Amino acid sequence: MTGEPQTVVEARQRADHARARLFATFDELLRAFKHWQQRLEPSHLARDAWEAAKAKGADVAEDAVDAVARRPVATTGVVAAIALFLAREPLLELAGKLVKGKSGKARPKAEKPKPARARKPRKPAPKTVETETAA
């Protein structure tokens, strides 16, 4: 036997079997295409990006908690420095009010120097004759 069909019936069976495999392969390819088409939709991409960002944020938060647990004093100092920096203006105003209340008067604010004006020369004062009076 050379592998060729013996009868027409066998040839048709082989052809039908090959056609079924072809359609099955085409259906698999079509399913894969639809799957990737859904995966690449903007809504799915946005959702995947959001999920990845949430996971990364959770990892960063967990690392921060671990860092605080390892160095609580240093962390407290850094947080206090940041808070003081952010609230510097209200704190300075409060300190000014406290100083004003204790000394009785407010410290003058630094005034801007006024620009110098050209002055006119002074007229000499009238000369007066001094006389002695008898007392």
C-alpha atoms as a PDB file:
ATOM      1  CA  MET A   1       0.000   0.000   0.000  1.00  0.00           C
ATOM      2  CA  THR A   2       1.239   3.419  -0.928  1.00  0.00           C
ATOM      3  CA  GLY A   3      -1.118   5.342   1.348  1.00  0.00           C
ATOM      4  CA  GLU A   4      -3.503   6.266  -1.417  1.00  0.00           C
ATOM      5  CA  PRO A   5      -7.173   5.615  -0.874  1.00  0.00           C
ATOM      6  CA  GLN A   6      -8.485   2.306  -2.100  1.00  0.00           C
ATOM      7  CA  THR A   7     -11.961   3.466  -2.758  1.00  0.00           C
ATOM      8  CA  VAL A   8     -13.868   6.625  -3.366  1.00  0.00           C
ATOM      9  CA  VAL A   9     -15.576   6.238   0.014  1.00  0.00           C
ATOM     10  CA  GLU A  10     -12.287   6.299   1.849  1.00  0.00           C
ATOM     11  CA  ALA A  11     -11.195   9.362  -0.149  1.00  0.00           C
ATOM     12  CA  ARG A  12     -14.354  11.211   0.799  1.00  0.00           C
ATOM     13  CA  GLN A  13     -13.928  10.262   4.452  1.00  0.00           C
ATOM     14  CA  ARG A  14     -10.380  11.594   4.438  1.00  0.00           C
ATOM     15  CA  ALA A  15     -11.509  14.793   2.710  1.00  0.00           C
ATOM     16  CA  ASP A  16     -14.304  15.291   5.242  1.00  0.00           C
ATOM     17  CA  HIS A  17     -11.889  14.662   8.097  1.00  0.00           C
ATOM     18  CA  ALA A  18      -9.380  17.193   6.666  1.00  0.00           C
ATOM     19  CA  ARG A  19     -12.170  19.743   6.142  1.00  0.00           C
ATOM     20  CA  ALA A  20     -13.315  19.279   9.777  1.00  0.00           C
ATOM     21  CA  ARG A  21      -9.724  19.831  11.010  1.00  0.00           C
ATOM     22  CA  LEU A  22      -9.469  22.954   8.832  1.00  0.00           C
ATOM     23  CA  PHE A  23     -12.692  24.412  10.230  1.00  0.00           C
ATOM     24  CA  ALA A  24     -11.662  23.508  13.783  1.00  0.00           C
ATOM     25  CA  THR A  25      -8.361  25.308  13.281  1.00  0.00           C
ATOM     26  CA  PHE A  26     -10.166  28.302  11.804  1.00  0.00           C
ATOM     27  CA  ASP A  27     -12.584  28.382  14.768  1.00  0.00           C
ATOM     28  CA  GLU A  28      -9.642  28.290  17.222  1.00  0.00           C
ATOM     29  CA  LEU A  29      -7.973  31.120  15.379  1.00  0.00           C
ATOM     30  CA  LEU A  30     -11.175  33.142  15.371  1.00  0.00           C
ATOM     31  CA  ARG A  31     -11.650  32.575  19.136  1.00  0.00           C
ATOM     32  CA  ALA A  32      -8.064  33.669  19.812  1.00  0.00           C
ATOM     33  CA  PHE A  33      -8.589  36.781  17.701  1.00  0.00           C
ATOM     34  CA  LYS A  34     -11.791  37.705  19.567  1.00  0.00           C
ATOM     35  CA  HIS A  35     -10.048  37.116  22.894  1.00  0.00           C
ATOM     36  CA  TRP A  36      -7.220  39.516  21.983  1.00  0.00           C
ATOM     37  CA  GLN A  37      -9.691  42.006  20.574  1.00  0.00           C
ATOM     38  CA  GLN A  38     -11.487  42.095  23.940  1.00  0.00           C
ATOM     39  CA  ARG A  39      -8.195  42.354  25.849  1.00  0.00           C
ATOM     40  CA  LEU A  40      -7.144  45.354  23.784  1.00  0.00           C
ATOM     41  CA  GLU A  41     -10.359  47.334  24.263  1.00  0.00           C
ATOM     42  CA  PRO A  42      -9.730  50.692  25.988  1.00  0.00           C
ATOM     43  CA  SER A  43     -12.007  49.800  28.909  1.00  0.00           C
ATOM     44  CA  HIS A  44     -10.080  46.596  29.590  1.00  0.00           C
ATOM     45  CA  LEU A  45      -6.730  48.363  29.237  1.00  0.00           C
ATOM     46  CA  ALA A  46      -7.847  51.077  31.658  1.00  0.00           C
ATOM     47  CA  ARG A  47      -9.120  48.511  34.152  1.00  0.00           C
ATOM     48  CA  ASP A  48      -5.873  46.549  33.952  1.00  0.00           C
ATOM     49  CA  ALA A  49      -3.844  49.725  34.457  1.00  0.00           C
ATOM     50  CA  TRP A  50      -6.013  50.667  37.447  1.00  0.00           C
ATOM     51  CA  GLU A  51      -5.555  47.234  39.003  1.00  0.00           C
ATOM     52  CA  ALA A  52      -1.789  47.423  38.473  1.00  0.00           C
ATOM     53  CA  ALA A  53      -1.658  50.903  40.047  1.00  0.00           C
ATOM     54  CA  LYS A  54      -3.687  49.722  43.049  1.00  0.00           C
ATOM     55  CA  ALA A  55      -1.371  46.765  43.539  1.00  0.00           C
ATOM     56  CA  LYS A  56       1.710  48.992  43.266  1.00  0.00           C
ATOM     57  CA  GLY A  57       0.189  51.496  45.719  1.00  0.00           C
ATOM     58  CA  ALA A  58      -0.503  48.717  48.190  1.00  0.00           C
ATOM     59  CA  ASP A  59       3.094  47.534  47.867  1.00  0.00           C
ATOM     60  CA  VAL A  60       4.432  51.051  48.459  1.00  0.00           C
ATOM     61  CA  ALA A  61       2.176  51.501  51.497  1.00  0.00           C
ATOM     62  CA  GLU A  62       3.308  48.179  52.913  1.00  0.00           C
ATOM     63  CA  ASP A  63       6.957  49.155  52.420  1.00  0.00           C
ATOM     64  CA  ALA A  64       6.295  52.494  54.141  1.00  0.00           C
ATOM     65  CA  VAL A  65       4.720  50.758  57.131  1.00  0.00           C
ATOM     66  CA  ASP A  66       7.721  48.455  57.374  1.00  0.00           C
ATOM     67  CA  ALA A  67      10.105  51.437  57.216  1.00  0.00           C
ATOM     68  CA  VAL A  68       8.195  53.234  59.989  1.00  0.00           C
ATOM     69  CA  ALA A  69       8.273  50.102  62.126  1.00  0.00           C
ATOM     70  CA  ARG A  70      12.056  49.853  61.698  1.00  0.00           C
ATOM     71  CA  ARG A  71      12.805  53.543  62.466  1.00  0.00           C
ATOM     72  CA  PRO A  72       9.941  55.178  64.393  1.00  0.00           C
ATOM     73  CA  VAL A  73      11.997  58.066  65.840  1.00  0.00           C
ATOM     74  CA  ALA A  74      13.472  59.104  62.500  1.00  0.00           C
ATOM     75  CA  THR A  75      10.070  58.866  60.861  1.00  0.00           C
ATOM     76  CA  THR A  76       8.494  61.010  63.554  1.00  0.00           C
ATOM     77  CA  GLY A  77      11.188  63.648  63.035  1.00  0.00           C
ATOM     78  CA  VAL A  78      10.674  63.710  59.287  1.00  0.00           C
ATOM     79  CA  VAL A  79       6.895  63.968  59.621  1.00  0.00           C
ATOM     80  CA  ALA A  80       7.261  66.776  62.191  1.00  0.00           C
ATOM     81  CA  ALA A  81       9.645  68.682  59.912  1.00  0.00           C
ATOM     82  CA  ILE A  82       7.256  68.385  56.982  1.00  0.00           C
ATOM     83  CA  ALA A  83       4.312  69.517  59.137  1.00  0.00           C
ATOM     84  CA  LEU A  84       6.263  72.531  60.402  1.00  0.00           C
ATOM     85  CA  PHE A  85       7.289  73.445  56.885  1.00  0.00           C
ATOM     86  CA  LEU A  86       3.714  73.257  55.595  1.00  0.00           C
ATOM     87  CA  ALA A  87       2.290  75.220  58.545  1.00  0.00           C
ATOM     88  CA  ARG A  88       5.093  77.775  58.839  1.00  0.00           C
ATOM     89  CA  GLU A  89       3.002  80.896  58.130  1.00  0.00           C
ATOM     90  CA  PRO A  90       0.211  80.184  60.646  1.00  0.00           C
ATOM     91  CA  LEU A  91       2.810  79.216  63.247  1.00  0.00           C
ATOM     92  CA  LEU A  92       4.745  82.446  62.711  1.00  0.00           C
ATOM     93  CA  GLU A  93       1.534  84.455  63.066  1.00  0.00           C
ATOM     94  CA  LEU A  94       0.697  82.599  66.282  1.00  0.00           C
ATOM     95  CA  ALA A  95       4.181  83.245  67.646  1.00  0.00           C
ATOM     96  CA  GLY A  96       3.811  86.941  66.799  1.00  0.00           C
ATOM     97  CA  LYS A  97       0.505  87.103  68.670  1.00  0.00           C
ATOM     98  CA  LEU A  98       2.034  85.394  71.690  1.00  0.00           C
ATOM     99  CA  VAL A  99       4.979  87.806  71.755  1.00  0.00           C
ATOM    100  CA  LYS A 100       2.604  90.761  71.365  1.00  0.00           C
ATOM    101  CA  GLY A 101       0.511  89.576  74.291  1.00  0.00           C
ATOM    102  CA  LYS A 102       3.491  89.213  76.677  1.00  0.00           C
ATOM    103  CA  SER A 103       5.340  92.450  75.933  1.00  0.00           C
ATOM    104  CA  GLY A 104       2.262  94.669  75.772  1.00  0.00           C
ATOM    105  CA  LYS A 105       2.995  96.079  72.358  1.00  0.00           C
ATOM    106  CA  ALA A 106       3.532  94.591  68.994  1.00  0.00           C
ATOM    107  CA  ARG A 107       6.866  94.620  67.347  1.00  0.00           C
ATOM    108  CA  PRO A 108       6.792  96.876  64.347  1.00  0.00           C
ATOM    109  CA  LYS A 109       6.910  95.226  61.013  1.00  0.00           C
ATOM    110  CA  ALA A 110       9.878  96.035  58.898  1.00  0.00           C
ATOM    111  CA  GLU A 111       8.799  98.945  56.764  1.00  0.00           C
ATOM    112  CA  LYS A 112      10.041  99.518  53.316  1.00  0.00           C
ATOM    113  CA  PRO A 113      12.364 102.505  53.143  1.00  0.00           C
ATOM    114  CA  LYS A 114      10.794 105.476  51.421  1.00  0.00           C
ATOM    115  CA  PRO A 115      12.609 106.678  48.372  1.00  0.00           C
ATOM    116  CA  ALA A 116      14.727 109.753  49.021  1.00  0.00           C
ATOM    117  CA  ARG A 117      13.376 112.975  47.579  1.00  0.00           C
ATOM    118  CA  ALA A 118      15.490 115.768  46.315  1.00  0.00           C
ATOM    119  CA  ARG A 119      15.417 118.462  48.978  1.00  0.00           C
ATOM    120  CA  LYS A 120      15.395 122.140  48.353  1.00  0.00           C
ATOM    121  CA  PRO A 121      18.224 123.992  49.966  1.00  0.00           C
ATOM    122  CA  ARG A 122      17.253 125.624  53.260  1.00  0.00           C
ATOM    123  CA  LYS A 123      16.989 129.329  53.511  1.00  0.00           C
ATOM    124  CA  PRO A 124      19.312 130.734  56.099  1.00  0.00           C
ATOM    125  CA  ALA A 125      17.605 131.766  59.306  1.00  0.00           C
ATOM    126  CA  PRO A 126      17.218 135.518  59.774  1.00  0.00           C
ATOM    127  CA  LYS A 127      19.957 136.939  61.889  1.00  0.00           C
ATOM    128  CA  THR A 128      18.810 138.284  65.223  1.00  0.00           C
ATOM    129  CA  VAL A 129      20.696 140.697  67.328  1.00  0.00           C
ATOM    130  CA  GLU A 130      21.181 139.425  70.767  1.00  0.00           C
ATOM    131  CA  THR A 131      20.844 142.000  73.472  1.00  0.00           C
ATOM    132  CA  GLU A 132      21.587 141.724  77.049  1.00  0.00           C
ATOM    133  CA  THR A 133      18.856 142.368  79.430  1.00  0.00           C
ATOM    134  CA  ALA A 134      19.492 143.718  82.836  1.00  0.00           C
ATOM    135  CA  ALA A 135      18.262 141.639  85.523  1.00  0.00           C
END
